[in-house]
Amino acid sequence: MTSPASTFPATSAPADAVQPASGYAGDISPMLAARWVASGQAVLVDVRSDAEREWVGFVPGSVGLAWKQWPGMVANADFDEGLRAAVPQGRKAVMLCRSGVRSISAAKRATELGFEAYNILEGFEGNPDEHGQRGHTGGWRFRGLPWKQN
């Protein structure tokens, strides 16, 4: 039997490929993002809200920098400043959200600010399954990558 961490659905990028994207450096698999972070090539920027990271879980060593903040999912006015403080010059920024959607907007903004920014496909929890539940069809957690929950 193959473990979930070693297989990717047909709609996901191969573990070592960068998929081209418009407005930012590209889309990458959670596995590639984890390798870049572990090797020091990239900083993982978790753009989910503080509440999501607190209640659902987080990646140890990641930078929590909300793109939009709960309640109301209001844009984070301090995003640009926070990103500049979090990602040293010359390192890639790999953006993580719940499902890989908000992180696209964050990657585009990071690119506008001069960063080499990537979106992590599948996000932290992945897309909903046939029952509307996340965490069963993809995502950082599903792939068996490091994470913690308070």
N, C-alpha and C. Protein backbone atom coordinates (compact mmCIF):
# COMPACT_ATOMS: atom_id res chain seq x y z
N MET A 1 0.84 -1.19 0.00
CA MET A 1 0.00 0.00 0.00
C MET A 1 0.88 1.24 0.00
N THR A 2 0.53 2.23 -0.78
CA THR A 2 1.27 3.48 -0.86
C THR A 2 0.73 4.46 0.17
N SER A 3 1.63 5.15 0.85
CA SER A 3 1.18 6.13 1.85
C SER A 3 0.68 7.38 1.14
N PRO A 4 -0.23 8.14 1.78
CA PRO A 4 -0.74 9.37 1.16
C PRO A 4 0.37 10.35 0.84
N ALA A 5 1.43 10.38 1.64
CA ALA A 5 2.50 11.34 1.42
C ALA A 5 3.29 11.07 0.15
N SER A 6 3.18 9.87 -0.40
CA SER A 6 4.00 9.56 -1.57
C SER A 6 3.23 9.60 -2.88
N THR A 7 1.95 9.89 -2.82
CA THR A 7 1.16 9.95 -4.04
C THR A 7 0.48 11.29 -4.17
N PHE A 8 0.25 11.71 -5.40
CA PHE A 8 -0.45 12.96 -5.65
C PHE A 8 -1.56 12.70 -6.63
N PRO A 9 -2.75 13.27 -6.41
CA PRO A 9 -3.82 13.13 -7.40
C PRO A 9 -3.38 13.71 -8.73
N ALA A 10 -4.03 13.30 -9.79
CA ALA A 10 -3.66 13.75 -11.13
C ALA A 10 -3.70 15.26 -11.27
N THR A 11 -4.48 15.95 -10.45
CA THR A 11 -4.59 17.40 -10.56
C THR A 11 -3.48 18.14 -9.84
N SER A 12 -2.64 17.44 -9.09
CA SER A 12 -1.56 18.08 -8.35
C SER A 12 -0.27 18.03 -9.14
N ALA A 13 0.65 18.92 -8.79
CA ALA A 13 1.96 18.93 -9.42
C ALA A 13 2.76 17.74 -8.93
N PRO A 14 3.61 17.18 -9.79
CA PRO A 14 4.55 16.17 -9.29
C PRO A 14 5.35 16.79 -8.15
N ALA A 15 5.84 15.96 -7.26
CA ALA A 15 6.50 16.44 -6.05
C ALA A 15 7.69 17.35 -6.31
N ASP A 16 8.32 17.25 -7.48
CA ASP A 16 9.52 18.04 -7.72
C ASP A 16 9.37 19.06 -8.85
N ALA A 17 8.15 19.33 -9.28
CA ALA A 17 7.94 20.23 -10.42
C ALA A 17 7.34 21.55 -9.97
N VAL A 18 7.72 22.60 -10.68
CA VAL A 18 7.09 23.91 -10.50
C VAL A 18 6.14 24.09 -11.67
N GLN A 19 4.87 24.33 -11.38
CA GLN A 19 3.89 24.60 -12.43
C GLN A 19 3.88 26.09 -12.70
N PRO A 20 3.90 26.48 -13.96
CA PRO A 20 3.86 27.91 -14.30
C PRO A 20 2.57 28.56 -13.79
N ALA A 21 2.68 29.83 -13.46
CA ALA A 21 1.52 30.58 -12.98
C ALA A 21 1.63 32.01 -13.48
N SER A 22 0.50 32.70 -13.48
CA SER A 22 0.46 34.08 -13.93
C SER A 22 0.54 35.02 -12.73
N GLY A 23 1.54 35.87 -12.70
CA GLY A 23 1.64 36.88 -11.66
C GLY A 23 2.51 36.51 -10.48
N TYR A 24 3.06 35.30 -10.47
CA TYR A 24 3.97 34.86 -9.41
C TYR A 24 4.82 33.72 -9.96
N ALA A 25 5.81 33.27 -9.18
CA ALA A 25 6.82 32.33 -9.69
C ALA A 25 6.28 30.96 -10.06
N GLY A 26 5.20 30.51 -9.44
CA GLY A 26 4.63 29.22 -9.80
C GLY A 26 3.92 28.52 -8.66
N ASP A 27 3.32 27.40 -9.00
CA ASP A 27 2.63 26.55 -8.03
C ASP A 27 3.51 25.35 -7.76
N ILE A 28 3.59 24.96 -6.48
CA ILE A 28 4.43 23.82 -6.10
C ILE A 28 3.66 22.89 -5.17
N SER A 29 4.11 21.65 -5.12
CA SER A 29 3.50 20.67 -4.22
C SER A 29 3.92 20.96 -2.78
N PRO A 30 3.14 20.47 -1.82
CA PRO A 30 3.56 20.59 -0.43
C PRO A 30 4.92 19.94 -0.18
N MET A 31 5.19 18.81 -0.86
CA MET A 31 6.45 18.11 -0.65
C MET A 31 7.65 18.96 -1.10
N LEU A 32 7.53 19.62 -2.25
CA LEU A 32 8.63 20.47 -2.73
C LEU A 32 8.81 21.66 -1.79
N ALA A 33 7.71 22.25 -1.36
CA ALA A 33 7.81 23.37 -0.41
C ALA A 33 8.54 22.94 0.85
N ALA A 34 8.20 21.77 1.37
CA ALA A 34 8.85 21.27 2.59
C ALA A 34 10.35 21.07 2.37
N ARG A 35 10.73 20.57 1.21
CA ARG A 35 12.16 20.37 0.91
C ARG A 35 12.88 21.72 0.83
N TRP A 36 12.28 22.70 0.14
CA TRP A 36 12.91 24.02 0.04
C TRP A 36 13.08 24.65 1.42
N VAL A 37 12.06 24.53 2.26
CA VAL A 37 12.14 25.12 3.60
C VAL A 37 13.22 24.40 4.41
N ALA A 38 13.23 23.08 4.37
CA ALA A 38 14.22 22.30 5.13
C ALA A 38 15.65 22.61 4.71
N SER A 39 15.85 22.90 3.43
CA SER A 39 17.20 23.18 2.93
C SER A 39 17.61 24.65 3.10
N GLY A 40 16.69 25.49 3.58
CA GLY A 40 16.99 26.90 3.78
C GLY A 40 16.81 27.77 2.55
N GLN A 41 16.29 27.19 1.46
CA GLN A 41 16.08 27.96 0.23
C GLN A 41 14.86 28.88 0.33
N ALA A 42 13.91 28.53 1.21
CA ALA A 42 12.64 29.24 1.25
C ALA A 42 12.16 29.43 2.69
N VAL A 43 11.28 30.40 2.83
CA VAL A 43 10.57 30.65 4.09
C VAL A 43 9.11 30.30 3.83
N LEU A 44 8.52 29.49 4.68
CA LEU A 44 7.11 29.15 4.55
C LEU A 44 6.30 30.23 5.26
N VAL A 45 5.45 30.92 4.50
CA VAL A 45 4.60 31.97 5.04
C VAL A 45 3.17 31.45 5.05
N ASP A 46 2.64 31.23 6.25
CA ASP A 46 1.28 30.72 6.42
C ASP A 46 0.34 31.92 6.44
N VAL A 47 -0.42 32.09 5.35
CA VAL A 47 -1.26 33.28 5.20
C VAL A 47 -2.69 33.08 5.72
N ARG A 48 -2.93 31.96 6.40
CA ARG A 48 -4.25 31.78 7.01
C ARG A 48 -4.41 32.74 8.19
N SER A 49 -5.64 32.90 8.64
CA SER A 49 -5.90 33.80 9.77
C SER A 49 -5.29 33.22 11.04
N ASP A 50 -5.09 34.08 12.02
CA ASP A 50 -4.58 33.63 13.31
C ASP A 50 -5.48 32.54 13.89
N ALA A 51 -6.80 32.72 13.75
CA ALA A 51 -7.75 31.74 14.27
C ALA A 51 -7.57 30.38 13.61
N GLU A 52 -7.38 30.35 12.30
CA GLU A 52 -7.18 29.07 11.60
C GLU A 52 -5.93 28.35 12.10
N ARG A 53 -4.84 29.09 12.23
CA ARG A 53 -3.60 28.46 12.71
C ARG A 53 -3.76 27.94 14.13
N GLU A 54 -4.46 28.71 14.95
CA GLU A 54 -4.64 28.32 16.35
C GLU A 54 -5.55 27.10 16.48
N TRP A 55 -6.64 27.06 15.76
CA TRP A 55 -7.64 26.01 15.94
C TRP A 55 -7.39 24.77 15.08
N VAL A 56 -6.85 24.95 13.88
CA VAL A 56 -6.72 23.84 12.94
C VAL A 56 -5.32 23.23 12.99
N GLY A 57 -4.31 24.04 13.21
CA GLY A 57 -2.94 23.56 13.26
C GLY A 57 -2.02 24.46 12.46
N PHE A 58 -0.72 24.24 12.62
CA PHE A 58 0.27 25.09 11.97
C PHE A 58 1.52 24.27 11.67
N VAL A 59 2.36 24.81 10.81
CA VAL A 59 3.63 24.18 10.46
C VAL A 59 4.71 24.77 11.36
N PRO A 60 5.39 23.93 12.15
CA PRO A 60 6.46 24.46 13.00
C PRO A 60 7.52 25.18 12.16
N GLY A 61 7.95 26.33 12.65
CA GLY A 61 8.96 27.12 11.96
C GLY A 61 8.42 28.03 10.87
N SER A 62 7.13 27.91 10.57
CA SER A 62 6.55 28.79 9.55
C SER A 62 6.32 30.17 10.14
N VAL A 63 6.16 31.14 9.24
CA VAL A 63 5.84 32.50 9.65
C VAL A 63 4.34 32.68 9.48
N GLY A 64 3.66 32.97 10.57
CA GLY A 64 2.23 33.24 10.51
C GLY A 64 2.00 34.70 10.14
N LEU A 65 1.46 34.91 8.95
CA LEU A 65 1.23 36.27 8.46
C LEU A 65 -0.08 36.26 7.67
N ALA A 66 -1.16 36.57 8.35
CA ALA A 66 -2.48 36.49 7.72
C ALA A 66 -2.59 37.40 6.50
N TRP A 67 -3.16 36.86 5.43
CA TRP A 67 -3.51 37.67 4.25
C TRP A 67 -4.80 38.40 4.55
N LYS A 68 -5.74 37.70 5.12
CA LYS A 68 -7.00 38.28 5.59
C LYS A 68 -7.22 37.77 7.00
N GLN A 69 -7.84 38.61 7.83
CA GLN A 69 -7.97 38.28 9.24
C GLN A 69 -9.42 38.07 9.65
N TRP A 70 -9.61 37.09 10.51
CA TRP A 70 -10.91 36.79 11.09
C TRP A 70 -11.14 37.74 12.25
N PRO A 71 -12.34 38.23 12.56
CA PRO A 71 -13.58 37.95 11.83
C PRO A 71 -13.73 38.87 10.62
N GLY A 72 -14.54 38.46 9.72
CA GLY A 72 -14.86 39.27 8.56
C GLY A 72 -13.91 39.12 7.39
N MET A 73 -12.80 38.39 7.59
CA MET A 73 -11.80 38.18 6.54
C MET A 73 -11.39 39.51 5.90
N VAL A 74 -10.97 40.43 6.76
CA VAL A 74 -10.53 41.76 6.36
C VAL A 74 -9.05 41.68 5.97
N ALA A 75 -8.68 42.36 4.89
CA ALA A 75 -7.29 42.37 4.43
C ALA A 75 -6.36 42.86 5.54
N ASN A 76 -5.23 42.22 5.68
CA ASN A 76 -4.23 42.58 6.68
C ASN A 76 -3.42 43.77 6.17
N ALA A 77 -3.62 44.92 6.76
CA ALA A 77 -2.91 46.14 6.34
C ALA A 77 -1.41 46.05 6.60
N ASP A 78 -0.98 45.14 7.45
CA ASP A 78 0.44 44.99 7.78
C ASP A 78 1.12 43.87 7.01
N PHE A 79 0.45 43.33 5.99
CA PHE A 79 1.00 42.19 5.25
C PHE A 79 2.35 42.53 4.62
N ASP A 80 2.43 43.62 3.90
CA ASP A 80 3.67 43.98 3.19
C ASP A 80 4.84 44.10 4.16
N GLU A 81 4.63 44.84 5.22
CA GLU A 81 5.68 45.05 6.22
C GLU A 81 6.08 43.72 6.86
N GLY A 82 5.10 42.90 7.18
CA GLY A 82 5.38 41.60 7.78
C GLY A 82 6.16 40.68 6.86
N LEU A 83 5.83 40.71 5.59
CA LEU A 83 6.54 39.87 4.62
C LEU A 83 7.98 40.32 4.48
N ARG A 84 8.20 41.61 4.40
CA ARG A 84 9.57 42.14 4.29
C ARG A 84 10.41 41.74 5.50
N ALA A 85 9.80 41.72 6.67
CA ALA A 85 10.52 41.35 7.89
C ALA A 85 10.77 39.84 7.97
N ALA A 86 9.91 39.05 7.35
CA ALA A 86 9.97 37.59 7.50
C ALA A 86 10.86 36.88 6.49
N VAL A 87 10.97 37.42 5.29
CA VAL A 87 11.68 36.72 4.22
C VAL A 87 12.94 37.47 3.85
N PRO A 88 14.10 36.91 4.20
CA PRO A 88 15.36 37.57 3.87
C PRO A 88 15.56 37.67 2.36
N GLN A 89 16.27 38.68 1.94
CA GLN A 89 16.56 38.87 0.53
C GLN A 89 17.29 37.63 0.00
N GLY A 90 16.89 37.17 -1.18
CA GLY A 90 17.52 36.02 -1.81
C GLY A 90 16.87 34.69 -1.48
N ARG A 91 15.91 34.68 -0.56
CA ARG A 91 15.19 33.44 -0.25
C ARG A 91 13.81 33.47 -0.87
N LYS A 92 13.34 32.31 -1.25
CA LYS A 92 12.01 32.18 -1.82
C LYS A 92 10.97 32.30 -0.71
N ALA A 93 9.80 32.79 -1.09
CA ALA A 93 8.65 32.80 -0.18
C ALA A 93 7.66 31.77 -0.70
N VAL A 94 7.32 30.79 0.13
CA VAL A 94 6.33 29.79 -0.26
C VAL A 94 5.09 30.02 0.60
N MET A 95 3.97 30.29 -0.06
CA MET A 95 2.75 30.72 0.60
C MET A 95 1.80 29.55 0.82
N LEU A 96 1.29 29.45 2.04
CA LEU A 96 0.38 28.37 2.43
C LEU A 96 -0.90 28.95 2.99
N CYS A 97 -2.05 28.46 2.51
CA CYS A 97 -3.34 28.81 3.13
C CYS A 97 -4.10 27.51 3.36
N ARG A 98 -5.40 27.58 3.52
CA ARG A 98 -6.19 26.38 3.80
C ARG A 98 -6.21 25.43 2.62
N SER A 99 -6.46 25.97 1.41
CA SER A 99 -6.66 25.09 0.26
C SER A 99 -5.84 25.47 -0.96
N GLY A 100 -5.02 26.49 -0.88
CA GLY A 100 -4.22 26.92 -2.02
C GLY A 100 -4.89 27.98 -2.86
N VAL A 101 -5.83 28.74 -2.29
CA VAL A 101 -6.52 29.80 -3.03
C VAL A 101 -6.07 31.18 -2.54
N ARG A 102 -6.22 31.48 -1.25
CA ARG A 102 -5.76 32.77 -0.72
C ARG A 102 -4.27 32.95 -0.93
N SER A 103 -3.54 31.84 -0.89
CA SER A 103 -2.09 31.92 -1.05
C SER A 103 -1.69 32.36 -2.45
N ILE A 104 -2.56 32.21 -3.43
CA ILE A 104 -2.28 32.73 -4.77
C ILE A 104 -2.25 34.26 -4.72
N SER A 105 -3.25 34.85 -4.09
CA SER A 105 -3.28 36.32 -3.97
C SER A 105 -2.07 36.82 -3.19
N ALA A 106 -1.70 36.11 -2.13
CA ALA A 106 -0.54 36.50 -1.34
C ALA A 106 0.75 36.37 -2.15
N ALA A 107 0.86 35.31 -2.96
CA ALA A 107 2.05 35.13 -3.81
C ALA A 107 2.14 36.23 -4.85
N LYS A 108 1.01 36.63 -5.40
CA LYS A 108 1.01 37.73 -6.37
C LYS A 108 1.47 39.02 -5.71
N ARG A 109 0.98 39.30 -4.51
CA ARG A 109 1.40 40.52 -3.82
C ARG A 109 2.89 40.46 -3.47
N ALA A 110 3.35 39.31 -3.02
CA ALA A 110 4.77 39.17 -2.70
C ALA A 110 5.63 39.41 -3.94
N THR A 111 5.17 38.93 -5.08
CA THR A 111 5.89 39.14 -6.34
C THR A 111 5.96 40.62 -6.67
N GLU A 112 4.85 41.33 -6.48
CA GLU A 112 4.83 42.78 -6.70
C GLU A 112 5.84 43.49 -5.81
N LEU A 113 6.09 42.93 -4.63
CA LEU A 113 7.04 43.52 -3.68
C LEU A 113 8.48 43.11 -3.97
N GLY A 114 8.68 42.26 -4.99
CA GLY A 114 10.03 41.89 -5.38
C GLY A 114 10.51 40.53 -4.90
N PHE A 115 9.62 39.75 -4.29
CA PHE A 115 10.00 38.41 -3.83
C PHE A 115 9.80 37.37 -4.92
N GLU A 116 10.57 36.29 -4.86
CA GLU A 116 10.32 35.11 -5.68
C GLU A 116 9.33 34.27 -4.88
N ALA A 117 8.06 34.36 -5.25
CA ALA A 117 7.00 33.79 -4.43
C ALA A 117 6.26 32.66 -5.14
N TYR A 118 5.91 31.63 -4.39
CA TYR A 118 5.23 30.45 -4.89
C TYR A 118 3.98 30.16 -4.07
N ASN A 119 3.01 29.56 -4.71
CA ASN A 119 1.79 29.09 -4.06
C ASN A 119 1.96 27.60 -3.80
N ILE A 120 1.62 27.16 -2.59
CA ILE A 120 1.64 25.74 -2.27
C ILE A 120 0.28 25.15 -2.61
N LEU A 121 0.27 24.28 -3.61
CA LEU A 121 -0.96 23.61 -4.02
C LEU A 121 -1.54 22.79 -2.86
N GLU A 122 -2.84 22.67 -2.84
CA GLU A 122 -3.59 21.88 -1.85
C GLU A 122 -3.68 22.55 -0.49
N GLY A 123 -2.82 23.53 -0.19
CA GLY A 123 -2.88 24.22 1.09
C GLY A 123 -2.61 23.32 2.28
N PHE A 124 -3.05 23.76 3.43
CA PHE A 124 -2.84 23.02 4.68
C PHE A 124 -3.82 21.86 4.80
N GLU A 125 -5.07 22.09 4.39
CA GLU A 125 -6.13 21.09 4.60
C GLU A 125 -6.62 20.41 3.33
N GLY A 126 -6.28 20.93 2.16
CA GLY A 126 -6.76 20.34 0.92
C GLY A 126 -8.20 20.71 0.61
N ASN A 127 -8.68 20.23 -0.51
CA ASN A 127 -10.06 20.49 -0.95
C ASN A 127 -11.04 19.60 -0.20
N PRO A 128 -12.30 19.99 -0.15
CA PRO A 128 -13.30 19.13 0.49
C PRO A 128 -13.49 17.82 -0.29
N ASP A 129 -13.77 16.76 0.44
CA ASP A 129 -14.08 15.48 -0.19
C ASP A 129 -15.57 15.42 -0.53
N GLU A 130 -16.06 14.26 -0.92
CA GLU A 130 -17.46 14.13 -1.33
C GLU A 130 -18.45 14.42 -0.20
N HIS A 131 -17.97 14.45 1.05
CA HIS A 131 -18.82 14.76 2.20
C HIS A 131 -18.64 16.20 2.67
N GLY A 132 -17.85 16.98 1.91
CA GLY A 132 -17.61 18.37 2.28
C GLY A 132 -16.59 18.55 3.37
N GLN A 133 -15.82 17.51 3.67
CA GLN A 133 -14.82 17.59 4.73
C GLN A 133 -13.42 17.73 4.15
N ARG A 134 -12.62 18.56 4.77
CA ARG A 134 -11.24 18.77 4.34
C ARG A 134 -10.32 17.82 5.09
N GLY A 135 -9.10 17.67 4.56
CA GLY A 135 -8.10 16.86 5.25
C GLY A 135 -8.05 15.41 4.78
N HIS A 136 -8.90 15.04 3.80
CA HIS A 136 -8.95 13.65 3.35
C HIS A 136 -8.48 13.46 1.92
N THR A 137 -8.28 14.55 1.18
CA THR A 137 -7.96 14.41 -0.25
C THR A 137 -6.67 15.11 -0.65
N GLY A 138 -6.01 15.77 0.26
CA GLY A 138 -4.78 16.47 -0.06
C GLY A 138 -4.46 17.49 1.00
N GLY A 139 -3.36 18.18 0.82
CA GLY A 139 -2.95 19.20 1.75
C GLY A 139 -1.72 18.81 2.54
N TRP A 140 -1.13 19.80 3.18
CA TRP A 140 0.08 19.63 3.96
C TRP A 140 -0.06 18.51 4.98
N ARG A 141 -1.12 18.54 5.78
CA ARG A 141 -1.34 17.51 6.81
C ARG A 141 -1.51 16.14 6.19
N PHE A 142 -2.36 16.05 5.17
CA PHE A 142 -2.66 14.78 4.51
C PHE A 142 -1.39 14.14 3.95
N ARG A 143 -0.47 14.95 3.49
CA ARG A 143 0.77 14.46 2.90
C ARG A 143 1.77 13.98 3.95
N GLY A 144 1.43 14.11 5.23
CA GLY A 144 2.29 13.62 6.28
C GLY A 144 3.47 14.52 6.61
N LEU A 145 3.35 15.79 6.26
CA LEU A 145 4.42 16.75 6.53
C LEU A 145 4.28 17.28 7.95
N PRO A 146 5.35 17.84 8.51
CA PRO A 146 5.32 18.28 9.93
C PRO A 146 4.26 19.34 10.20
N TRP A 147 3.51 19.14 11.29
CA TRP A 147 2.54 20.13 11.73
C TRP A 147 2.23 19.88 13.20
N LYS A 148 1.70 20.89 13.85
CA LYS A 148 1.31 20.81 15.26
C LYS A 148 -0.07 21.43 15.42
N GLN A 149 -0.67 21.10 16.53
CA GLN A 149 -1.97 21.69 16.86
C GLN A 149 -1.95 22.05 18.34
N ASN A 150 -2.43 23.25 18.65
CA ASN A 150 -2.50 23.67 20.07
C ASN A 150 -3.66 23.03 20.77
